Amino acid sequence: MKHKSLRILSAVSIVMMSLACSLFTRFTRAEATPTPNYIFTPSTTLLKIEPDSLPNAQTGVEYEVEIRVSDNVTPVNDVVLSSGTLPAGLELVFVDHVNGAKISGVPEETGTFTFTVSISCFSTMVIGQTGEKEYVIVVE
């Protein structure tokens, strides 16, 4: 008798679960998630790179200047020297989370040094912005 009651209870449980599942799917009307239609468009905003010019430097004297980027839609990803050279003793260092870089060090040679700094921004829902600026450092 005990086994028969257990079988009936199991059968009733299965019927109740089937009914609950069919009612759930009937009333929720689950629909497929639509595929997003992402459109990546270039930003029309030009990067603003400052300063316009760099101060002169002196050999043997500590030199530091910030290259700042503004009007960017997404954060700056990298700042690199794309052409030319810095005076020996100076280096360009990208400063993460600051939207810019620093040129710093102690110049070891005199002369006029022309170089180009290139900037790239992350591309999140837009085509990443890029820009470049030519600079001149005169070391006396």
Protein backbone atom coordinates (compact mmCIF):
# COMPACT_ATOMS: atom_id res chain seq x y z
CA MET A 1 0.00 0.00 0.00
CA LYS A 2 2.82 2.31 0.84
CA HIS A 3 4.47 1.82 -2.60
CA LYS A 4 1.20 2.50 -4.43
CA SER A 5 0.71 5.81 -2.59
CA LEU A 6 4.25 6.81 -3.41
CA ARG A 7 3.72 6.05 -7.13
CA ILE A 8 0.52 8.09 -7.21
CA LEU A 9 2.19 11.01 -5.45
CA SER A 10 5.11 10.88 -7.92
CA ALA A 11 2.73 10.82 -10.90
CA VAL A 12 0.73 13.77 -9.54
CA SER A 13 3.99 15.73 -8.98
CA ILE A 14 5.11 15.09 -12.57
CA VAL A 15 1.73 16.21 -13.95
CA MET A 16 1.79 19.38 -11.82
CA MET A 17 5.33 20.29 -12.94
CA SER A 18 4.44 19.72 -16.60
CA LEU A 19 1.35 21.90 -16.22
CA ALA A 20 3.37 24.66 -14.51
CA CYS A 21 6.00 24.62 -17.28
CA SER A 22 3.43 24.78 -20.06
CA LEU A 23 1.57 27.65 -18.37
CA PHE A 24 4.81 29.54 -17.81
CA THR A 25 5.88 29.34 -21.44
CA ARG A 26 2.37 30.16 -22.65
CA PHE A 27 2.04 33.35 -20.61
CA THR A 28 5.62 34.64 -20.79
CA ARG A 29 5.83 34.41 -24.59
CA ALA A 30 9.59 34.35 -24.59
CA GLU A 31 11.07 35.95 -27.68
CA ALA A 32 14.56 35.71 -29.06
CA THR A 33 16.88 38.55 -28.12
CA PRO A 34 17.34 40.75 -31.18
CA THR A 35 20.83 41.04 -32.61
CA PRO A 36 22.18 44.53 -31.91
CA ASN A 37 22.91 46.63 -34.96
CA TYR A 38 26.06 48.48 -33.93
CA ILE A 39 27.15 51.29 -36.17
CA PHE A 40 30.65 52.55 -35.51
CA THR A 41 31.05 56.09 -36.72
CA PRO A 42 34.18 58.17 -36.67
CA SER A 43 34.28 61.02 -34.22
CA THR A 44 34.36 64.35 -36.02
CA THR A 45 35.98 66.05 -33.04
CA LEU A 46 39.70 66.71 -33.50
CA LEU A 47 42.00 66.07 -30.57
CA LYS A 48 43.39 69.18 -28.95
CA ILE A 49 47.06 68.69 -28.07
CA GLU A 50 48.78 71.20 -25.79
CA PRO A 51 51.01 73.05 -25.26
CA ASP A 52 51.35 74.70 -28.64
CA SER A 53 55.14 74.89 -28.24
CA LEU A 54 57.72 73.59 -25.78
CA PRO A 55 60.03 75.70 -23.60
CA ASN A 56 63.76 75.70 -24.27
CA ALA A 57 65.98 73.43 -22.19
CA GLN A 58 69.53 73.65 -20.83
CA THR A 59 72.09 70.88 -20.77
CA GLY A 60 72.56 69.39 -17.32
CA VAL A 61 69.35 70.96 -15.94
CA GLU A 62 66.23 68.94 -15.10
CA TYR A 63 63.52 69.39 -17.77
CA GLU A 64 59.86 68.39 -17.51
CA VAL A 65 56.85 69.35 -19.58
CA GLU A 66 53.38 67.81 -19.88
CA ILE A 67 51.71 67.01 -23.19
CA ARG A 68 47.96 67.26 -22.56
CA VAL A 69 45.15 65.90 -24.73
CA SER A 70 41.58 67.20 -24.66
CA ASP A 71 38.39 67.02 -26.75
CA ASN A 72 38.74 63.23 -26.77
CA VAL A 73 35.55 61.14 -26.80
CA THR A 74 37.24 58.11 -25.20
CA PRO A 75 40.32 57.87 -22.94
CA VAL A 76 43.78 58.24 -24.42
CA ASN A 77 45.27 54.84 -25.21
CA ASP A 78 48.85 55.81 -26.06
CA VAL A 79 51.21 58.70 -26.73
CA VAL A 80 54.31 57.88 -28.77
CA LEU A 81 57.15 59.56 -30.60
CA SER A 82 56.30 58.85 -34.25
CA SER A 83 59.13 60.72 -35.96
CA GLY A 84 62.26 62.65 -35.09
CA THR A 85 64.30 62.30 -31.92
CA LEU A 86 64.46 63.76 -28.47
CA PRO A 87 67.74 65.08 -27.12
CA ALA A 88 69.84 62.46 -25.32
CA GLY A 89 68.75 62.34 -21.67
CA LEU A 90 65.08 63.17 -22.34
CA GLU A 91 62.27 60.67 -22.75
CA LEU A 92 58.57 60.75 -23.64
CA VAL A 93 56.48 58.74 -21.17
CA PHE A 94 52.75 58.06 -21.57
CA VAL A 95 50.92 58.74 -18.30
CA ASP A 96 47.99 56.33 -18.01
CA HIS A 97 44.63 57.75 -16.82
CA VAL A 98 45.78 61.36 -17.28
CA ASN A 99 45.11 61.95 -21.00
CA GLY A 100 48.65 62.83 -21.81
CA ALA A 101 52.35 62.26 -21.43
CA LYS A 102 55.49 63.84 -20.01
CA ILE A 103 58.78 64.72 -21.58
CA SER A 104 61.33 64.66 -18.80
CA GLY A 105 64.95 64.09 -17.92
CA VAL A 106 68.24 65.96 -18.03
CA PRO A 107 69.32 66.98 -21.55
CA GLU A 108 72.89 65.90 -22.33
CA GLU A 109 73.47 67.66 -25.68
CA THR A 110 72.83 71.04 -27.24
CA GLY A 111 70.94 71.59 -30.47
CA THR A 112 67.51 71.94 -32.03
CA PHE A 113 65.41 68.76 -31.98
CA THR A 114 62.25 68.37 -34.05
CA PHE A 115 59.90 65.44 -33.43
CA THR A 116 56.26 64.42 -33.79
CA VAL A 117 54.08 63.12 -30.97
CA SER A 118 51.22 60.80 -32.02
CA ILE A 119 48.19 60.14 -29.85
CA SER A 120 45.59 57.39 -30.11
CA CYS A 121 42.38 56.98 -28.11
CA PHE A 122 40.46 53.83 -27.26
CA SER A 123 37.67 52.88 -29.64
CA THR A 124 34.49 52.05 -27.76
CA MET A 125 31.35 52.45 -29.88
CA VAL A 126 33.27 54.98 -32.01
CA ILE A 127 36.28 54.71 -34.23
CA GLY A 128 39.14 55.79 -31.97
CA GLN A 129 40.45 59.29 -32.41
CA THR A 130 44.04 59.91 -33.39
CA GLY A 131 46.12 63.02 -33.66
CA GLU A 132 49.66 64.26 -33.90
CA LYS A 133 51.62 67.39 -33.24
CA GLU A 134 55.10 68.46 -34.25
CA TYR A 135 57.28 69.96 -31.54
CA VAL A 136 60.71 71.56 -31.35
CA ILE A 137 62.96 71.59 -28.28
CA VAL A 138 65.98 73.88 -28.32
CA VAL A 139 68.66 72.79 -25.87
CA GLU A 140 71.22 75.49 -25.01
